C-alpha atoms as a PDB file:
ATOM      1  CA  MET A   1      71.694  99.786 109.137  1.00  0.00           C
ATOM      2  CA  LYS A   2      72.853  98.022 105.973  1.00  0.00           C
ATOM      3  CA  THR A   3      72.715 101.263 103.955  1.00  0.00           C
ATOM      4  CA  SER A   4      74.763 103.196 106.506  1.00  0.00           C
ATOM      5  CA  SER A   5      77.462 100.464 106.544  1.00  0.00           C
ATOM      6  CA  VAL A   6      77.757 100.623 102.751  1.00  0.00           C
ATOM      7  CA  PHE A   7      77.843 104.442 102.872  1.00  0.00           C
ATOM      8  CA  LEU A   8      80.542 104.400 105.567  1.00  0.00           C
ATOM      9  CA  PHE A   9      82.628 101.897 103.576  1.00  0.00           C
ATOM     10  CA  ALA A  10      82.304 103.941 100.357  1.00  0.00           C
ATOM     11  CA  THR A  11      83.220 107.176 102.157  1.00  0.00           C
ATOM     12  CA  THR A  12      86.289 105.578 103.752  1.00  0.00           C
ATOM     13  CA  LEU A  13      87.365 104.171 100.395  1.00  0.00           C
ATOM     14  CA  CYS A  14      87.015 107.572  98.675  1.00  0.00           C
ATOM     15  CA  LEU A  15      88.934 109.390 101.405  1.00  0.00           C
ATOM     16  CA  GLY A  16      91.719 106.804 101.349  1.00  0.00           C
ATOM     17  CA  THR A  17      92.024 107.079  97.578  1.00  0.00           C
ATOM     18  CA  GLY A  18      92.132 110.863  97.762  1.00  0.00           C
ATOM     19  CA  ILE A  19      94.903 110.830 100.345  1.00  0.00           C
ATOM     20  CA  ALA A  20      96.941 108.245  98.438  1.00  0.00           C
ATOM     21  CA  GLY A  21      96.518 110.178  95.189  1.00  0.00           C
ATOM     22  CA  ALA A  22      97.622 113.458  96.767  1.00  0.00           C
ATOM     23  CA  ALA A  23     101.296 112.504  96.408  1.00  0.00           C
ATOM     24  CA  GLY A  24     100.724 111.991  92.695  1.00  0.00           C
ATOM     25  CA  PRO A  25     100.734 108.811  90.664  1.00  0.00           C
ATOM     26  CA  HIS A  26     104.436 109.166  89.829  1.00  0.00           C
ATOM     27  CA  ALA A  27     105.903 109.996  93.242  1.00  0.00           C
ATOM     28  CA  PRO A  28     109.436 108.548  93.572  1.00  0.00           C
ATOM     29  CA  LEU A  29     110.246 105.984  96.239  1.00  0.00           C
ATOM     30  CA  ARG A  30     113.096 108.131  97.606  1.00  0.00           C
ATOM     31  CA  PRO A  31     114.355 111.677  97.066  1.00  0.00           C
ATOM     32  CA  VAL A  32     115.248 111.788  93.381  1.00  0.00           C
ATOM     33  CA  GLY A  33     118.227 114.024  94.206  1.00  0.00           C
ATOM     34  CA  GLU A  34     119.917 111.062  95.901  1.00  0.00           C
ATOM     35  CA  CYS A  35     119.890 108.949  92.735  1.00  0.00           C
ATOM     36  CA  MET A  36     122.764 108.728  90.253  1.00  0.00           C
ATOM     37  CA  VAL A  37     122.135 110.437  86.893  1.00  0.00           C
ATOM     38  CA  SER A  38     123.614 108.088  84.307  1.00  0.00           C
ATOM     39  CA  ARG A  39     124.301 110.736  81.661  1.00  0.00           C
ATOM     40  CA  ASN A  40     126.611 112.503  84.161  1.00  0.00           C
ATOM     41  CA  VAL A  41     128.937 109.516  84.708  1.00  0.00           C
ATOM     42  CA  MET A  42     132.580 110.576  84.393  1.00  0.00           C
ATOM     43  CA  ASP A  43     134.575 107.706  85.892  1.00  0.00           C
ATOM     44  CA  TRP A  44     134.097 104.299  87.481  1.00  0.00           C
ATOM     45  CA  GLY A  45     136.038 101.497  89.063  1.00  0.00           C
ATOM     46  CA  VAL A  46     135.178  97.820  89.315  1.00  0.00           C
ATOM     47  CA  VAL A  47     135.585  96.372  92.807  1.00  0.00           C
ATOM     48  CA  ASP A  48     134.537  92.831  91.867  1.00  0.00           C
ATOM     49  CA  ASN A  49     131.859  91.043  89.805  1.00  0.00           C
ATOM     50  CA  ARG A  50     129.101  92.344  92.101  1.00  0.00           C
ATOM     51  CA  ARG A  51     130.203  95.877  92.948  1.00  0.00           C
ATOM     52  CA  LEU A  52     131.489  99.066  91.360  1.00  0.00           C
ATOM     53  CA  VAL A  53     132.053 102.691  92.292  1.00  0.00           C
ATOM     54  CA  VAL A  54     131.035 105.605  90.078  1.00  0.00           C
ATOM     55  CA  LYS A  55     131.914 109.317  89.919  1.00  0.00           C
ATOM     56  CA  THR A  56     129.472 111.755  88.305  1.00  0.00           C
ATOM     57  CA  LEU A  57     129.516 115.462  87.530  1.00  0.00           C
ATOM     58  CA  GLY A  58     129.318 117.688  90.570  1.00  0.00           C
ATOM     59  CA  SER A  59     131.791 115.485  92.482  1.00  0.00           C
ATOM     60  CA  ARG A  60     129.187 112.924  93.481  1.00  0.00           C
ATOM     61  CA  TYR A  61     130.392 109.416  94.234  1.00  0.00           C
ATOM     62  CA  TYR A  62     128.324 106.227  94.396  1.00  0.00           C
ATOM     63  CA  ASP A  63     128.744 102.658  95.620  1.00  0.00           C
ATOM     64  CA  ILE A  64     126.690 100.368  93.358  1.00  0.00           C
ATOM     65  CA  GLN A  65     125.956  96.772  94.329  1.00  0.00           C
ATOM     66  CA  LEU A  66     124.566  94.252  91.861  1.00  0.00           C
ATOM     67  CA  SER A  67     122.018  91.574  92.652  1.00  0.00           C
ATOM     68  CA  HIS A  68     124.092  88.826  90.993  1.00  0.00           C
ATOM     69  CA  SER A  69     127.582  88.212  89.645  1.00  0.00           C
ATOM     70  CA  CYS A  70     128.294  90.102  86.423  1.00  0.00           C
ATOM     71  CA  ARG A  71     131.332  88.512  84.838  1.00  0.00           C
ATOM     72  CA  ASP A  72     131.549  91.018  81.968  1.00  0.00           C
ATOM     73  CA  LEU A  73     132.293  93.961  84.303  1.00  0.00           C
ATOM     74  CA  ASN A  74     136.010  93.142  84.152  1.00  0.00           C
ATOM     75  CA  ARG A  75     136.045  91.999  80.517  1.00  0.00           C
ATOM     76  CA  ARG A  76     134.325  94.823  78.661  1.00  0.00           C
ATOM     77  CA  PRO A  77     135.707  98.388  78.694  1.00  0.00           C
ATOM     78  CA  PHE A  78     132.450 100.394  78.520  1.00  0.00           C
ATOM     79  CA  LEU A  79     129.417 100.645  80.775  1.00  0.00           C
ATOM     80  CA  SER A  80     125.884 101.840  80.097  1.00  0.00           C
ATOM     81  CA  PHE A  81     123.177 102.299  82.700  1.00  0.00           C
ATOM     82  CA  SER A  82     119.483 101.705  82.241  1.00  0.00           C
ATOM     83  CA  ASP A  83     116.762 102.719  84.651  1.00  0.00           C
ATOM     84  CA  GLY A  84     113.882 100.330  85.176  1.00  0.00           C
ATOM     85  CA  MET A  85     111.365 102.535  83.373  1.00  0.00           C
ATOM     86  CA  GLN A  86     112.982 102.691  79.945  1.00  0.00           C
ATOM     87  CA  GLN A  87     114.304 100.477  77.202  1.00  0.00           C
ATOM     88  CA  LEU A  88     118.040  99.913  76.904  1.00  0.00           C
ATOM     89  CA  PRO A  89     119.718 102.758  75.005  1.00  0.00           C
ATOM     90  CA  LEU A  90     121.187 102.079  71.592  1.00  0.00           C
ATOM     91  CA  GLY A  91     124.651 103.474  70.976  1.00  0.00           C
ATOM     92  CA  SER A  92     125.736 105.860  73.689  1.00  0.00           C
ATOM     93  CA  GLY A  93     125.239 104.744  77.259  1.00  0.00           C
ATOM     94  CA  ARG A  94     124.873 108.341  78.390  1.00  0.00           C
ATOM     95  CA  GLY A  95     121.720 109.163  76.465  1.00  0.00           C
ATOM     96  CA  TRP A  96     118.164 108.330  77.391  1.00  0.00           C
ATOM     97  CA  ARG A  97     114.801 107.984  75.715  1.00  0.00           C
ATOM     98  CA  ARG A  98     111.327 108.028  77.119  1.00  0.00           C
ATOM     99  CA  GLY A  99     109.646 104.653  76.800  1.00  0.00           C
ATOM    100  CA  ILE A 100     105.973 103.918  76.383  1.00  0.00           C
ATOM    101  CA  GLY A 101     104.246 104.321  79.724  1.00  0.00           C
ATOM    102  CA  ALA A 102     107.438 105.643  81.297  1.00  0.00           C
ATOM    103  CA  ASP A 103     107.436 107.444  84.622  1.00  0.00           C
ATOM    104  CA  PRO A 104     108.155 111.146  83.888  1.00  0.00           C
ATOM    105  CA  VAL A 105     109.851 111.620  87.271  1.00  0.00           C
ATOM    106  CA  THR A 106     112.604 109.055  86.793  1.00  0.00           C
ATOM    107  CA  THR A 107     112.999 108.550  83.031  1.00  0.00           C
ATOM    108  CA  ASP A 108     115.898 110.947  82.788  1.00  0.00           C
ATOM    109  CA  GLY A 109     118.393 108.167  83.438  1.00  0.00           C
ATOM    110  CA  ARG A 110     118.341 108.297  87.238  1.00  0.00           C
ATOM    111  CA  ILE A 111     119.629 105.090  88.775  1.00  0.00           C
ATOM    112  CA  CYS A 112     118.243 104.610  92.276  1.00  0.00           C
ATOM    113  CA  GLY A 113     118.558 100.846  92.790  1.00  0.00           C
ATOM    114  CA  ASP A 114     114.875 100.313  92.036  1.00  0.00           C
ATOM    115  CA  ILE A 115     113.433  97.290  90.224  1.00  0.00           C
ATOM    116  CA  GLY A 116     114.772  97.093  86.686  1.00  0.00           C
ATOM    117  CA  ASP A 117     117.789  99.385  87.149  1.00  0.00           C
ATOM    118  CA  SER A 118     120.828  97.799  85.526  1.00  0.00           C
ATOM    119  CA  VAL A 119     124.376  98.305  84.332  1.00  0.00           C
ATOM    120  CA  VAL A 120     125.306  96.914  80.918  1.00  0.00           C
ATOM    121  CA  PRO A 121     128.974  96.153  80.172  1.00  0.00           C
ATOM    122  CA  HIS A 122     129.763  96.292  76.448  1.00  0.00           C
ATOM    123  CA  SER A 123     132.571  96.727  73.961  1.00  0.00           C
ATOM    124  CA  ALA A 124     132.981  99.687  71.597  1.00  0.00           C
ATOM    125  CA  LEU A 125     130.219  98.353  69.354  1.00  0.00           C
ATOM    126  CA  TRP A 126     126.754  97.741  70.753  1.00  0.00           C
ATOM    127  CA  THR A 127     125.796  94.323  69.374  1.00  0.00           C
ATOM    128  CA  GLY A 128     122.522  93.748  71.200  1.00  0.00           C
ATOM    129  CA  THR A 129     123.864  90.591  72.860  1.00  0.00           C
ATOM    130  CA  GLU A 130     124.965  92.394  76.009  1.00  0.00           C
ATOM    131  CA  ILE A 131     123.522  91.030  79.216  1.00  0.00           C
ATOM    132  CA  PRO A 132     122.249  93.648  81.688  1.00  0.00           C
ATOM    133  CA  CYS A 133     123.353  93.207  85.290  1.00  0.00           C
ATOM    134  CA  ARG A 134     120.630  94.147  87.774  1.00  0.00           C
ATOM    135  CA  ILE A 135     121.458  96.770  90.376  1.00  0.00           C
ATOM    136  CA  SER A 136     120.328  95.954  93.898  1.00  0.00           C
ATOM    137  CA  SER A 137     121.434  99.158  95.667  1.00  0.00           C
ATOM    138  CA  VAL A 138     122.925 102.581  95.060  1.00  0.00           C
ATOM    139  CA  ARG A 139     124.312 104.756  97.837  1.00  0.00           C
ATOM    140  CA  ARG A 140     126.309 107.966  97.985  1.00  0.00           C
ATOM    141  CA  ILE A 141     129.858 107.754  99.302  1.00  0.00           C
ATOM    142  CA  ASP A 142     132.569 110.360  99.785  1.00  0.00           C
ATOM    143  CA  LYS A 143     135.586 111.038  97.576  1.00  0.00           C
ATOM    144  CA  ARG A 144     137.955 109.276  99.980  1.00  0.00           C
ATOM    145  CA  ALA A 145     135.949 106.030  99.744  1.00  0.00           C
ATOM    146  CA  PHE A 146     135.789 106.275  95.923  1.00  0.00           C
ATOM    147  CA  GLU A 147     139.532 106.830  95.538  1.00  0.00           C
ATOM    148  CA  GLY A 148     140.365 104.250  98.209  1.00  0.00           C
ATOM    149  CA  VAL A 149     139.076 101.438  96.002  1.00  0.00           C
ATOM    150  CA  PHE A 150     141.784 101.836  93.373  1.00  0.00           C
ATOM    151  CA  GLY A 151     144.997  99.893  93.899  1.00  0.00           C
ATOM    152  CA  LYS A 152     143.489  97.535  96.479  1.00  0.00           C
ATOM    153  CA  SER A 153     142.428  93.929  96.278  1.00  0.00           C
ATOM    154  CA  SER A 154     138.726  93.223  95.892  1.00  0.00           C
ATOM    155  CA  GLU A 155     138.520  92.019  99.495  1.00  0.00           C
ATOM    156  CA  GLU A 156     140.182  95.169 100.892  1.00  0.00           C
ATOM    157  CA  ALA A 157     138.043  97.437  98.696  1.00  0.00           C
ATOM    158  CA  ARG A 158     134.814  95.708  99.817  1.00  0.00           C
ATOM    159  CA  ARG A 159     135.759  96.012 103.504  1.00  0.00           C
ATOM    160  CA  MET A 160     136.627  99.685 103.053  1.00  0.00           C
ATOM    161  CA  LEU A 161     133.339 100.434 101.235  1.00  0.00           C
ATOM    162  CA  ASP A 162     131.294  98.510 103.799  1.00  0.00           C
ATOM    163  CA  SER A 163     132.828 100.549 106.624  1.00  0.00           C
ATOM    164  CA  SER A 164     132.499 103.929 104.881  1.00  0.00           C
ATOM    165  CA  PRO A 165     129.462 106.031 105.840  1.00  0.00           C
ATOM    166  CA  THR A 166     126.691 106.953 103.443  1.00  0.00           C
ATOM    167  CA  VAL A 167     126.873 110.608 102.427  1.00  0.00           C
ATOM    168  CA  GLN A 168     123.731 112.415 103.495  1.00  0.00           C
ATOM    169  CA  ARG A 169     122.285 115.165 101.351  1.00  0.00           C
ATOM    170  CA  THR A 170     122.805 118.572 102.902  1.00  0.00           C
ATOM    171  CA  THR A 171     120.125 121.214 102.652  1.00  0.00           C
ATOM    172  CA  ALA A 172     120.889 124.894 102.492  1.00  0.00           C
ATOM    173  CA  SER A 173     119.570 126.834 105.459  1.00  0.00           C
ATOM    174  CA  ARG A 174     117.709 130.067 104.887  1.00  0.00           C
END
Protein backbone atom coordinates (compact mmCIF):
# COMPACT_ATOMS: atom_id res chain seq x y z
CA MET A 1 0.00 0.00 0.00
CA LYS A 2 2.75 2.43 1.01
CA THR A 3 4.86 1.52 -2.04
CA SER A 4 1.98 2.03 -4.46
CA SER A 5 1.22 5.49 -2.97
CA VAL A 6 4.85 6.55 -3.44
CA PHE A 7 4.85 5.13 -6.99
CA LEU A 8 1.61 6.96 -7.83
CA PHE A 9 2.98 10.23 -6.43
CA ALA A 10 6.26 9.89 -8.37
CA THR A 11 4.41 9.06 -11.60
CA THR A 12 2.10 12.06 -11.21
CA LEU A 13 5.07 14.32 -10.51
CA CYS A 14 6.94 13.09 -13.61
CA LEU A 15 3.91 13.49 -15.87
CA GLY A 16 3.24 16.99 -14.55
CA THR A 17 6.84 18.01 -15.13
CA GLY A 18 6.78 16.61 -18.65
CA ILE A 19 3.63 18.53 -19.53
CA ALA A 20 4.92 21.77 -18.03
CA GLY A 21 8.25 21.38 -19.84
CA ALA A 22 6.58 20.76 -23.20
CA ALA A 23 6.05 24.50 -23.74
CA GLY A 24 9.78 25.02 -23.25
CA PRO A 25 11.63 26.71 -20.43
CA HIS A 26 11.61 30.07 -22.22
CA ALA A 27 7.98 30.30 -23.36
CA PRO A 28 6.80 33.94 -23.35
CA LEU A 29 3.93 35.05 -21.14
CA ARG A 30 2.02 36.47 -24.14
CA PRO A 31 2.39 36.36 -27.92
CA VAL A 32 5.77 37.95 -28.57
CA GLY A 33 4.37 39.57 -31.72
CA GLU A 34 2.22 41.84 -29.54
CA CYS A 35 5.23 43.34 -27.76
CA MET A 36 6.98 46.56 -28.79
CA VAL A 37 10.45 46.09 -30.31
CA SER A 38 12.54 48.90 -28.85
CA ARG A 39 15.05 49.10 -31.70
CA ASN A 40 12.16 49.93 -34.07
CA VAL A 41 10.98 53.03 -32.18
CA MET A 42 10.49 55.96 -34.56
CA ASP A 43 8.47 58.51 -32.59
CA TRP A 44 6.91 59.03 -29.18
CA GLY A 45 4.83 61.49 -27.24
CA VAL A 46 4.65 62.07 -23.51
CA VAL A 47 1.10 62.20 -22.13
CA ASP A 48 2.13 62.84 -18.52
CA ASN A 49 4.69 61.59 -15.96
CA ARG A 50 3.13 58.10 -15.98
CA ARG A 51 2.18 57.54 -19.62
CA LEU A 52 3.55 57.83 -23.14
CA VAL A 53 2.64 56.73 -26.65
CA VAL A 54 5.14 55.20 -29.07
CA LYS A 55 5.22 54.60 -32.84
CA THR A 56 7.44 51.84 -34.25
CA LEU A 57 8.32 50.63 -37.73
CA GLY A 58 5.49 48.91 -39.54
CA SER A 59 2.98 51.54 -38.34
CA ARG A 60 2.52 49.97 -34.93
CA TYR A 61 1.38 52.23 -32.11
CA TYR A 62 1.58 51.56 -28.37
CA ASP A 63 0.17 53.03 -25.17
CA ILE A 64 2.75 52.58 -22.40
CA GLN A 65 1.85 53.08 -18.75
CA LEU A 66 4.48 53.36 -16.03
CA SER A 67 4.19 51.93 -12.54
CA HIS A 68 5.23 55.22 -10.89
CA SER A 69 5.72 58.88 -11.73
CA CYS A 70 8.76 59.52 -13.92
CA ARG A 71 9.55 63.21 -13.70
CA ASP A 72 12.38 63.09 -16.26
CA LEU A 73 10.04 62.10 -19.13
CA ASN A 74 9.31 65.77 -19.80
CA ARG A 75 12.79 67.07 -18.96
CA ARG A 76 15.10 64.86 -21.01
CA PRO A 77 14.88 64.72 -24.83
CA PHE A 78 15.87 61.07 -25.44
CA LEU A 79 14.38 57.75 -24.39
CA SER A 80 15.89 54.28 -24.18
CA PHE A 81 14.00 51.10 -23.43
CA SER A 82 15.27 48.12 -21.50
CA ASP A 83 13.58 44.75 -21.26
CA GLY A 84 13.65 42.97 -17.93
CA MET A 85 16.06 40.28 -19.10
CA GLN A 86 19.03 42.44 -20.06
CA GLN A 87 21.31 45.09 -18.67
CA LEU A 88 20.73 48.72 -19.59
CA PRO A 89 22.29 49.56 -22.96
CA LEU A 90 25.25 51.90 -23.09
CA GLY A 91 25.10 54.61 -25.73
CA SER A 92 22.30 54.05 -28.19
CA GLY A 93 18.90 53.23 -26.78
CA ARG A 94 18.02 51.27 -29.89
CA GLY A 95 20.64 48.56 -29.55
CA TRP A 96 20.53 45.49 -27.38
CA ARG A 97 22.92 42.99 -25.87
CA ARG A 98 22.35 39.55 -24.51
CA GLY A 99 22.92 39.41 -20.77
CA ILE A 100 24.15 36.49 -18.71
CA GLY A 101 21.31 34.04 -18.24
CA ALA A 102 19.09 36.04 -20.59
CA ASP A 103 15.92 34.59 -22.07
CA PRO A 104 16.61 33.98 -25.80
CA VAL A 105 12.94 34.55 -26.69
CA THR A 106 12.69 38.11 -25.40
CA THR A 107 16.24 39.51 -25.30
CA ASP A 108 15.89 41.24 -28.63
CA GLY A 109 14.59 44.39 -26.98
CA ARG A 110 10.91 43.44 -26.87
CA ILE A 111 9.00 45.48 -24.32
CA CYS A 112 5.90 43.63 -23.15
CA GLY A 113 5.19 45.24 -19.77
CA ASP A 114 6.75 42.32 -17.91
CA ILE A 115 8.73 42.60 -14.67
CA GLY A 116 11.86 44.67 -15.20
CA ASP A 117 10.80 46.39 -18.44
CA SER A 118 11.62 50.08 -18.23
CA VAL A 119 11.99 53.34 -20.11
CA VAL A 120 15.05 55.47 -19.37
CA PRO A 121 14.90 59.22 -20.11
CA HIS A 122 18.35 60.71 -20.75
CA SER A 123 20.14 63.62 -22.36
CA ALA A 124 22.45 63.38 -25.38
CA LEU A 125 25.22 61.93 -23.22
CA TRP A 126 24.63 58.74 -21.25
CA THR A 127 26.07 59.51 -17.81
CA GLY A 128 25.02 56.39 -15.93
CA THR A 129 22.99 58.42 -13.44
CA GLU A 130 19.74 58.01 -15.35
CA ILE A 131 16.90 56.52 -13.36
CA PRO A 132 14.88 53.81 -15.15
CA CYS A 133 11.11 54.16 -14.96
CA ARG A 134 9.35 50.80 -14.66
CA ILE A 135 6.72 49.95 -17.25
CA SER A 136 3.53 48.46 -15.87
CA SER A 137 1.67 47.82 -19.15
CA VAL A 138 2.04 47.98 -22.91
CA ARG A 139 -0.90 47.76 -25.29
CA ARG A 140 -1.38 48.28 -29.01
CA ILE A 141 -3.49 51.24 -30.09
CA ASP A 142 -4.48 52.56 -33.50
CA LYS A 143 -3.00 55.50 -35.40
CA ARG A 144 -5.95 57.76 -34.55
CA ALA A 145 -5.38 57.26 -30.80
CA PHE A 146 -1.61 57.88 -31.18
CA GLU A 147 -2.08 61.11 -33.14
CA GLY A 148 -4.96 62.24 -30.93
CA VAL A 149 -2.62 62.66 -27.96
CA PHE A 150 -0.67 65.53 -29.51
CA GLY A 151 -1.99 69.03 -28.91
CA LYS A 152 -4.24 68.01 -26.02
CA SER A 153 -3.93 68.49 -22.30
CA SER A 154 -2.73 65.53 -20.26
CA GLU A 155 -6.23 64.99 -18.87
CA GLU A 156 -7.86 64.96 -22.33
CA ALA A 157 -5.15 62.67 -23.73
CA ARG A 158 -5.56 60.19 -20.84
CA ARG A 159 -9.35 60.09 -21.27
CA MET A 160 -8.98 59.55 -25.02
CA LEU A 161 -6.43 56.73 -24.56
CA ASP A 162 -8.52 55.06 -21.86
CA SER A 163 -11.55 55.02 -24.17
CA SER A 164 -9.66 53.82 -27.26
CA PRO A 165 -9.82 50.07 -27.99
CA THR A 166 -6.82 47.78 -27.91
CA VAL A 167 -5.74 46.77 -31.41
CA GLN A 168 -5.99 43.02 -31.82
CA ARG A 169 -3.47 41.15 -33.93
CA THR A 170 -4.98 39.96 -37.18
CA THR A 171 -4.02 36.60 -38.61
CA ALA A 172 -3.91 35.91 -42.31
CA SER A 173 -6.42 33.32 -43.43
CA ARG A 174 -5.32 30.54 -45.73
